[in-house]
Amino acid sequence: MDYSIKIGGEAGQGLQTIGDTLAKVFSRAGRHVFTHQDYESRVRGGHNFFQIRFSDKPVMASRDKM
Protein backbone atom coordinates (compact mmCIF):
# COMPACT_ATOMS: atom_id res chain seq x y z
CA MET A 1 0.00 0.00 0.00
CA ASP A 2 1.42 3.37 -1.06
CA TYR A 3 -0.80 6.44 -1.46
CA SER A 4 -0.34 10.17 -2.03
CA ILE A 5 -2.77 12.98 -1.36
CA LYS A 6 -2.29 16.53 -2.63
CA ILE A 7 -4.36 19.37 -1.18
CA GLY A 8 -4.31 22.73 -2.95
CA GLY A 9 -5.80 26.12 -2.31
CA GLU A 10 -5.21 29.77 -1.61
CA ALA A 11 -2.74 30.91 1.03
CA GLY A 12 -4.52 31.45 4.33
CA GLN A 13 -7.12 28.70 3.89
CA GLY A 14 -5.55 26.35 6.44
CA LEU A 15 -3.74 23.91 4.15
CA GLN A 16 -0.92 23.39 6.63
CA THR A 17 -3.36 22.66 9.46
CA ILE A 18 -5.31 20.15 7.36
CA GLY A 19 -2.12 18.51 6.05
CA ASP A 20 -0.55 18.23 9.51
CA THR A 21 -3.77 16.75 10.93
CA LEU A 22 -4.02 14.13 8.17
CA ALA A 23 -0.34 13.25 8.59
CA LYS A 24 -0.92 12.66 12.33
CA VAL A 25 -3.97 10.49 11.60
CA PHE A 26 -2.00 8.25 9.21
CA SER A 27 1.01 8.10 11.54
CA ARG A 28 -1.14 7.11 14.52
CA ALA A 29 -2.73 4.43 12.34
CA GLY A 30 0.74 2.88 12.00
CA ARG A 31 1.63 4.18 8.53
CA HIS A 32 4.93 5.69 7.46
CA VAL A 33 4.38 9.31 6.43
CA PHE A 34 6.25 11.86 4.31
CA THR A 35 4.91 15.39 3.81
CA HIS A 36 5.89 18.24 1.52
CA GLN A 37 4.46 21.74 1.46
CA ASP A 38 5.01 24.14 -1.43
CA TYR A 39 4.82 27.86 -0.71
CA GLU A 40 4.40 29.55 -4.07
CA SER A 41 3.09 32.67 -2.36
CA ARG A 42 3.03 33.74 1.26
CA VAL A 43 0.59 36.51 0.43
CA ARG A 44 -3.02 35.67 1.24
CA GLY A 45 -4.71 34.50 -1.96
CA GLY A 46 -1.65 32.97 -3.66
CA HIS A 47 -1.84 29.27 -4.60
CA ASN A 48 -0.11 26.69 -2.34
CA PHE A 49 -0.27 22.93 -1.91
CA PHE A 50 0.41 20.30 0.74
CA GLN A 51 1.32 16.75 -0.29
CA ILE A 52 1.12 13.69 1.97
CA ARG A 53 2.53 10.28 1.11
CA PHE A 54 1.73 7.37 3.40
CA SER A 55 2.60 3.69 3.16
CA ASP A 56 2.96 0.49 5.13
CA LYS A 57 6.69 0.62 4.20
CA PRO A 58 9.19 3.41 4.98
CA VAL A 59 8.98 6.41 2.62
CA MET A 60 11.78 8.94 2.13
CA ALA A 61 10.39 11.23 -0.58
CA SER A 62 7.24 12.20 -2.45
CA ARG A 63 6.12 10.27 -5.52
CA ASP A 64 6.40 11.57 -9.07
CA LYS A 65 2.93 10.26 -9.94
CA MET A 66 -0.23 11.20 -8.10
PDB file of N, CA and C in Angstrom:
ATOM      1  N   MET A   1       0.831  -1.162   0.000  1.00  0.00           N
ATOM      2  CA  MET A   1       0.000   0.000   0.000  1.00  0.00           C
ATOM      3  C   MET A   1       0.888   1.241   0.000  1.00  0.00           C
ATOM      4  N   ASP A   2       0.652   2.137  -0.944  1.00  0.00           N
ATOM      5  CA  ASP A   2       1.424   3.371  -1.057  1.00  0.00           C
ATOM      6  C   ASP A   2       0.532   4.419  -1.718  1.00  0.00           C
ATOM      7  N   TYR A   3       0.129   5.435  -0.961  1.00  0.00           N
ATOM      8  CA  TYR A   3      -0.801   6.442  -1.462  1.00  0.00           C
ATOM      9  C   TYR A   3      -0.233   7.842  -1.288  1.00  0.00           C
ATOM     10  N   SER A   4      -0.669   8.745  -2.153  1.00  0.00           N
ATOM     11  CA  SER A   4      -0.337  10.166  -2.032  1.00  0.00           C
ATOM     12  C   SER A   4      -1.610  10.988  -2.131  1.00  0.00           C
ATOM     13  N   ILE A   5      -1.652  12.041  -1.336  1.00  0.00           N
ATOM     14  CA  ILE A   5      -2.768  12.985  -1.361  1.00  0.00           C
ATOM     15  C   ILE A   5      -2.169  14.372  -1.544  1.00  0.00           C
ATOM     16  N   LYS A   6      -2.729  15.151  -2.454  1.00  0.00           N
ATOM     17  CA  LYS A   6      -2.290  16.534  -2.635  1.00  0.00           C
ATOM     18  C   LYS A   6      -3.493  17.445  -2.409  1.00  0.00           C
ATOM     19  N   ILE A   7      -3.317  18.412  -1.507  1.00  0.00           N
ATOM     20  CA  ILE A   7      -4.363  19.369  -1.179  1.00  0.00           C
ATOM     21  C   ILE A   7      -3.885  20.734  -1.656  1.00  0.00           C
ATOM     22  N   GLY A   8      -4.691  21.415  -2.441  1.00  0.00           N
ATOM     23  CA  GLY A   8      -4.307  22.728  -2.954  1.00  0.00           C
ATOM     24  C   GLY A   8      -5.331  23.783  -2.614  1.00  0.00           C
ATOM     25  N   GLY A   9      -4.883  25.020  -2.572  1.00  0.00           N
ATOM     26  CA  GLY A   9      -5.797  26.121  -2.315  1.00  0.00           C
ATOM     27  C   GLY A   9      -5.054  27.428  -2.163  1.00  0.00           C
ATOM     28  N   GLU A  10      -5.789  28.447  -1.800  1.00  0.00           N
ATOM     29  CA  GLU A  10      -5.207  29.767  -1.612  1.00  0.00           C
ATOM     30  C   GLU A  10      -4.494  29.853  -0.268  1.00  0.00           C
ATOM     31  N   ALA A  11      -3.448  30.666  -0.228  1.00  0.00           N
ATOM     32  CA  ALA A  11      -2.744  30.911   1.028  1.00  0.00           C
ATOM     33  C   ALA A  11      -3.733  31.463   2.047  1.00  0.00           C
ATOM     34  N   GLY A  12      -3.642  30.979   3.273  1.00  0.00           N
ATOM     35  CA  GLY A  12      -4.521  31.451   4.334  1.00  0.00           C
ATOM     36  C   GLY A  12      -5.763  30.608   4.541  1.00  0.00           C
ATOM     37  N   GLN A  13      -5.934  29.543   3.747  1.00  0.00           N
ATOM     38  CA  GLN A  13      -7.120  28.701   3.886  1.00  0.00           C
ATOM     39  C   GLN A  13      -6.925  27.530   4.846  1.00  0.00           C
ATOM     40  N   GLY A  14      -5.767  27.412   5.462  1.00  0.00           N
ATOM     41  CA  GLY A  14      -5.551  26.355   6.443  1.00  0.00           C
ATOM     42  C   GLY A  14      -4.995  25.062   5.878  1.00  0.00           C
ATOM     43  N   LEU A  15      -4.296  25.127   4.746  1.00  0.00           N
ATOM     44  CA  LEU A  15      -3.742  23.906   4.147  1.00  0.00           C
ATOM     45  C   LEU A  15      -2.750  23.213   5.072  1.00  0.00           C
ATOM     46  N   GLN A  16      -1.910  23.991   5.745  1.00  0.00           N
ATOM     47  CA  GLN A  16      -0.919  23.391   6.635  1.00  0.00           C
ATOM     48  C   GLN A  16      -1.604  22.683   7.802  1.00  0.00           C
ATOM     49  N   THR A  17      -2.629  23.277   8.355  1.00  0.00           N
ATOM     50  CA  THR A  17      -3.361  22.658   9.464  1.00  0.00           C
ATOM     51  C   THR A  17      -4.008  21.350   9.025  1.00  0.00           C
ATOM     52  N   ILE A  18      -4.665  21.358   7.884  1.00  0.00           N
ATOM     53  CA  ILE A  18      -5.310  20.149   7.363  1.00  0.00           C
ATOM     54  C   ILE A  18      -4.265  19.079   7.062  1.00  0.00           C
ATOM     55  N   GLY A  19      -3.175  19.469   6.394  1.00  0.00           N
ATOM     56  CA  GLY A  19      -2.119  18.515   6.054  1.00  0.00           C
ATOM     57  C   GLY A  19      -1.472  17.899   7.284  1.00  0.00           C
ATOM     58  N   ASP A  20      -1.155  18.739   8.274  1.00  0.00           N
ATOM     59  CA  ASP A  20      -0.554  18.231   9.514  1.00  0.00           C
ATOM     60  C   ASP A  20      -1.501  17.281  10.246  1.00  0.00           C
ATOM     61  N   THR A  21      -2.780  17.610  10.263  1.00  0.00           N
ATOM     62  CA  THR A  21      -3.770  16.755  10.929  1.00  0.00           C
ATOM     63  C   THR A  21      -3.877  15.403  10.235  1.00  0.00           C
ATOM     64  N   LEU A  22      -3.960  15.400   8.908  1.00  0.00           N
ATOM     65  CA  LEU A  22      -4.022  14.131   8.172  1.00  0.00           C
ATOM     66  C   LEU A  22      -2.756  13.306   8.376  1.00  0.00           C
ATOM     67  N   ALA A  23      -1.596  13.962   8.370  1.00  0.00           N
ATOM     68  CA  ALA A  23      -0.337  13.246   8.591  1.00  0.00           C
ATOM     69  C   ALA A  23      -0.333  12.572   9.967  1.00  0.00           C
ATOM     70  N   LYS A  24      -0.838  13.250  10.986  1.00  0.00           N
ATOM     71  CA  LYS A  24      -0.924  12.657  12.329  1.00  0.00           C
ATOM     72  C   LYS A  24      -1.868  11.463  12.343  1.00  0.00           C
ATOM     73  N   VAL A  25      -2.996  11.586  11.652  1.00  0.00           N
ATOM     74  CA  VAL A  25      -3.967  10.485  11.595  1.00  0.00           C
ATOM     75  C   VAL A  25      -3.319   9.242  10.996  1.00  0.00           C
ATOM     76  N   PHE A  26      -2.637   9.397   9.862  1.00  0.00           N
ATOM     77  CA  PHE A  26      -2.001   8.248   9.212  1.00  0.00           C
ATOM     78  C   PHE A  26      -0.865   7.685  10.057  1.00  0.00           C
ATOM     79  N   SER A  27      -0.095   8.556  10.685  1.00  0.00           N
ATOM     80  CA  SER A  27       1.005   8.104  11.536  1.00  0.00           C
ATOM     81  C   SER A  27       0.485   7.316  12.741  1.00  0.00           C
ATOM     82  N   ARG A  28      -0.562   7.808  13.366  1.00  0.00           N
ATOM     83  CA  ARG A  28      -1.141   7.113  14.522  1.00  0.00           C
ATOM     84  C   ARG A  28      -1.816   5.809  14.128  1.00  0.00           C
ATOM     85  N   ALA A  29      -2.155   5.683  12.840  1.00  0.00           N
ATOM     86  CA  ALA A  29      -2.734   4.433  12.335  1.00  0.00           C
ATOM     87  C   ALA A  29      -1.637   3.433  11.969  1.00  0.00           C
ATOM     88  N   GLY A  30      -0.369   3.798  12.232  1.00  0.00           N
ATOM     89  CA  GLY A  30       0.736   2.879  11.998  1.00  0.00           C
ATOM     90  C   GLY A  30       1.364   2.969  10.618  1.00  0.00           C
ATOM     91  N   ARG A  31       1.065   4.012   9.873  1.00  0.00           N
ATOM     92  CA  ARG A  31       1.628   4.179   8.531  1.00  0.00           C
ATOM     93  C   ARG A  31       2.883   5.043   8.591  1.00  0.00           C
ATOM     94  N   HIS A  32       3.766   4.836   7.630  1.00  0.00           N
ATOM     95  CA  HIS A  32       4.935   5.692   7.461  1.00  0.00           C
ATOM     96  C   HIS A  32       4.482   6.893   6.639  1.00  0.00           C
ATOM     97  N   VAL A  33       4.900   8.088   7.047  1.00  0.00           N
ATOM     98  CA  VAL A  33       4.376   9.308   6.435  1.00  0.00           C
ATOM     99  C   VAL A  33       5.518  10.219   5.990  1.00  0.00           C
ATOM    100  N   PHE A  34       5.355  10.815   4.806  1.00  0.00           N
ATOM    101  CA  PHE A  34       6.252  11.861   4.312  1.00  0.00           C
ATOM    102  C   PHE A  34       5.379  13.014   3.831  1.00  0.00           C
ATOM    103  N   THR A  35       5.698  14.230   4.250  1.00  0.00           N
ATOM    104  CA  THR A  35       4.915  15.389   3.815  1.00  0.00           C
ATOM    105  C   THR A  35       5.806  16.399   3.116  1.00  0.00           C
ATOM    106  N   HIS A  36       5.193  17.161   2.233  1.00  0.00           N
ATOM    107  CA  HIS A  36       5.892  18.236   1.521  1.00  0.00           C
ATOM    108  C   HIS A  36       4.906  19.373   1.315  1.00  0.00           C
ATOM    109  N   GLN A  37       5.318  20.574   1.669  1.00  0.00           N
ATOM    110  CA  GLN A  37       4.458  21.737   1.461  1.00  0.00           C
ATOM    111  C   GLN A  37       5.169  22.711   0.540  1.00  0.00           C
ATOM    112  N   ASP A  38       4.456  23.184  -0.479  1.00  0.00           N
ATOM    113  CA  ASP A  38       5.011  24.139  -1.433  1.00  0.00           C
ATOM    114  C   ASP A  38       4.401  25.506  -1.178  1.00  0.00           C
ATOM    115  N   TYR A  39       5.262  26.485  -0.953  1.00  0.00           N
ATOM    116  CA  TYR A  39       4.823  27.861  -0.713  1.00  0.00           C
ATOM    117  C   TYR A  39       5.110  28.684  -1.960  1.00  0.00           C
ATOM    118  N   GLU A  40       4.189  28.719  -2.894  1.00  0.00           N
ATOM    119  CA  GLU A  40       4.404  29.550  -4.074  1.00  0.00           C
ATOM    120  C   GLU A  40       4.186  31.017  -3.739  1.00  0.00           C
ATOM    121  N   SER A  41       3.341  31.290  -2.761  1.00  0.00           N
ATOM    122  CA  SER A  41       3.088  32.666  -2.359  1.00  0.00           C
ATOM    123  C   SER A  41       2.735  32.699  -0.885  1.00  0.00           C
ATOM    124  N   ARG A  42       3.375  33.569  -0.150  1.00  0.00           N
ATOM    125  CA  ARG A  42       3.033  33.736   1.265  1.00  0.00           C
ATOM    126  C   ARG A  42       1.972  34.817   1.445  1.00  0.00           C
ATOM    127  N   VAL A  43       1.618  35.477   0.372  1.00  0.00           N
ATOM    128  CA  VAL A  43       0.593  36.512   0.427  1.00  0.00           C
ATOM    129  C   VAL A  43      -0.770  35.845   0.368  1.00  0.00           C
ATOM    130  N   ARG A  44      -1.678  36.257   1.221  1.00  0.00           N
ATOM    131  CA  ARG A  44      -3.021  35.668   1.237  1.00  0.00           C
ATOM    132  C   ARG A  44      -3.619  35.726  -0.160  1.00  0.00           C
ATOM    133  N   GLY A  45      -4.101  34.587  -0.638  1.00  0.00           N
ATOM    134  CA  GLY A  45      -4.712  34.504  -1.960  1.00  0.00           C
ATOM    135  C   GLY A  45      -3.836  33.813  -2.985  1.00  0.00           C
ATOM    136  N   GLY A  46      -2.523  33.690  -2.743  1.00  0.00           N
ATOM    137  CA  GLY A  46      -1.646  32.967  -3.664  1.00  0.00           C
ATOM    138  C   GLY A  46      -1.885  31.469  -3.545  1.00  0.00           C
ATOM    139  N   HIS A  47      -1.571  30.706  -4.594  1.00  0.00           N
ATOM    140  CA  HIS A  47      -1.840  29.268  -4.597  1.00  0.00           C
ATOM    141  C   HIS A  47      -0.702  28.497  -3.927  1.00  0.00           C
ATOM    142  N   ASN A  48      -1.052  27.568  -3.040  1.00  0.00           N
ATOM    143  CA  ASN A  48      -0.112  26.691  -2.341  1.00  0.00           C
ATOM    144  C   ASN A  48      -0.652  25.270  -2.363  1.00  0.00           C
ATOM    145  N   PHE A  49       0.225  24.295  -2.054  1.00  0.00           N
ATOM    146  CA  PHE A  49      -0.271  22.930  -1.906  1.00  0.00           C
ATOM    147  C   PHE A  49       0.488  22.194  -0.823  1.00  0.00           C
ATOM    148  N   PHE A  50      -0.143  21.163  -0.299  1.00  0.00           N
ATOM    149  CA  PHE A  50       0.415  20.298   0.743  1.00  0.00           C
ATOM    150  C   PHE A  50       0.253  18.867   0.255  1.00  0.00           C
ATOM    151  N   GLN A  51       1.352  18.124   0.200  1.00  0.00           N
ATOM    152  CA  GLN A  51       1.317  16.748  -0.293  1.00  0.00           C
ATOM    153  C   GLN A  51       1.675  15.786   0.836  1.00  0.00           C
ATOM    154  N   ILE A  52       0.902  14.714   0.953  1.00  0.00           N
ATOM    155  CA  ILE A  52       1.123  13.686   1.970  1.00  0.00           C
ATOM    156  C   ILE A  52       1.278  12.344   1.272  1.00  0.00           C
ATOM    157  N   ARG A  53       2.345  11.650   1.590  1.00  0.00           N
ATOM    158  CA  ARG A  53       2.530  10.275   1.107  1.00  0.00           C
ATOM    159  C   ARG A  53       2.538   9.376   2.328  1.00  0.00           C
ATOM    160  N   PHE A  54       1.746   8.303   2.281  1.00  0.00           N
ATOM    161  CA  PHE A  54       1.731   7.365   3.404  1.00  0.00           C
ATOM    162  C   PHE A  54       1.737   5.943   2.866  1.00  0.00           C
ATOM    163  N   SER A  55       2.393   5.058   3.624  1.00  0.00           N
ATOM    164  CA  SER A  55       2.604   3.693   3.160  1.00  0.00           C
ATOM    165  C   SER A  55       2.779   2.765   4.353  1.00  0.00           C
ATOM    166  N   ASP A  56       2.671   1.469   4.084  1.00  0.00           N
ATOM    167  CA  ASP A  56       2.964   0.492   5.131  1.00  0.00           C
ATOM    168  C   ASP A  56       4.463   0.187   5.177  1.00  0.00           C
ATOM    169  N   LYS A  57       5.229   0.755   4.233  1.00  0.00           N
ATOM    170  CA  LYS A  57       6.693   0.620   4.205  1.00  0.00           C
ATOM    171  C   LYS A  57       7.312   2.009   4.360  1.00  0.00           C
ATOM    172  N   PRO A  58       8.562   2.093   4.816  1.00  0.00           N
ATOM    173  CA  PRO A  58       9.195   3.409   4.982  1.00  0.00           C
ATOM    174  C   PRO A  58       9.206   4.215   3.675  1.00  0.00           C
ATOM    175  N   VAL A  59       8.936   5.503   3.776  1.00  0.00           N
ATOM    176  CA  VAL A  59       8.976   6.411   2.624  1.00  0.00           C
ATOM    177  C   VAL A  59       9.949   7.543   2.931  1.00  0.00           C
ATOM    178  N   MET A  60      10.755   7.915   1.944  1.00  0.00           N
ATOM    179  CA  MET A  60      11.783   8.938   2.134  1.00  0.00           C
ATOM    180  C   MET A  60      11.584  10.168   1.253  1.00  0.00           C
ATOM    181  N   ALA A  61      10.609  10.113   0.343  1.00  0.00           N
ATOM    182  CA  ALA A  61      10.388  11.231  -0.581  1.00  0.00           C
ATOM    183  C   ALA A  61       8.971  11.154  -1.127  1.00  0.00           C
ATOM    184  N   SER A  62       8.554  12.221  -1.797  1.00  0.00           N
ATOM    185  CA  SER A  62       7.245  12.205  -2.445  1.00  0.00           C
ATOM    186  C   SER A  62       7.337  11.416  -3.745  1.00  0.00           C
ATOM    187  N   ARG A  63       6.174  11.028  -4.264  1.00  0.00           N
ATOM    188  CA  ARG A  63       6.122  10.268  -5.516  1.00  0.00           C
ATOM    189  C   ARG A  63       6.020  11.219  -6.696  1.00  0.00           C
ATOM    190  N   ASP A  64       6.524  10.779  -7.853  1.00  0.00           N
ATOM    191  CA  ASP A  64       6.397  11.573  -9.072  1.00  0.00           C
ATOM    192  C   ASP A  64       4.968  11.554  -9.579  1.00  0.00           C
ATOM    193  N   LYS A  65       4.307  10.397  -9.459  1.00  0.00           N
ATOM    194  CA  LYS A  65       2.932  10.257  -9.938  1.00  0.00           C
ATOM    195  C   LYS A  65       1.967  10.441  -8.783  1.00  0.00           C
ATOM    196  N   MET A  66       0.817  11.020  -9.113  1.00  0.00           N
ATOM    197  CA  MET A  66      -0.232  11.202  -8.102  1.00  0.00           C
ATOM    198  C   MET A  66      -1.348  10.231  -8.367  1.00  0.00           C
TER     199      MET A  66
END
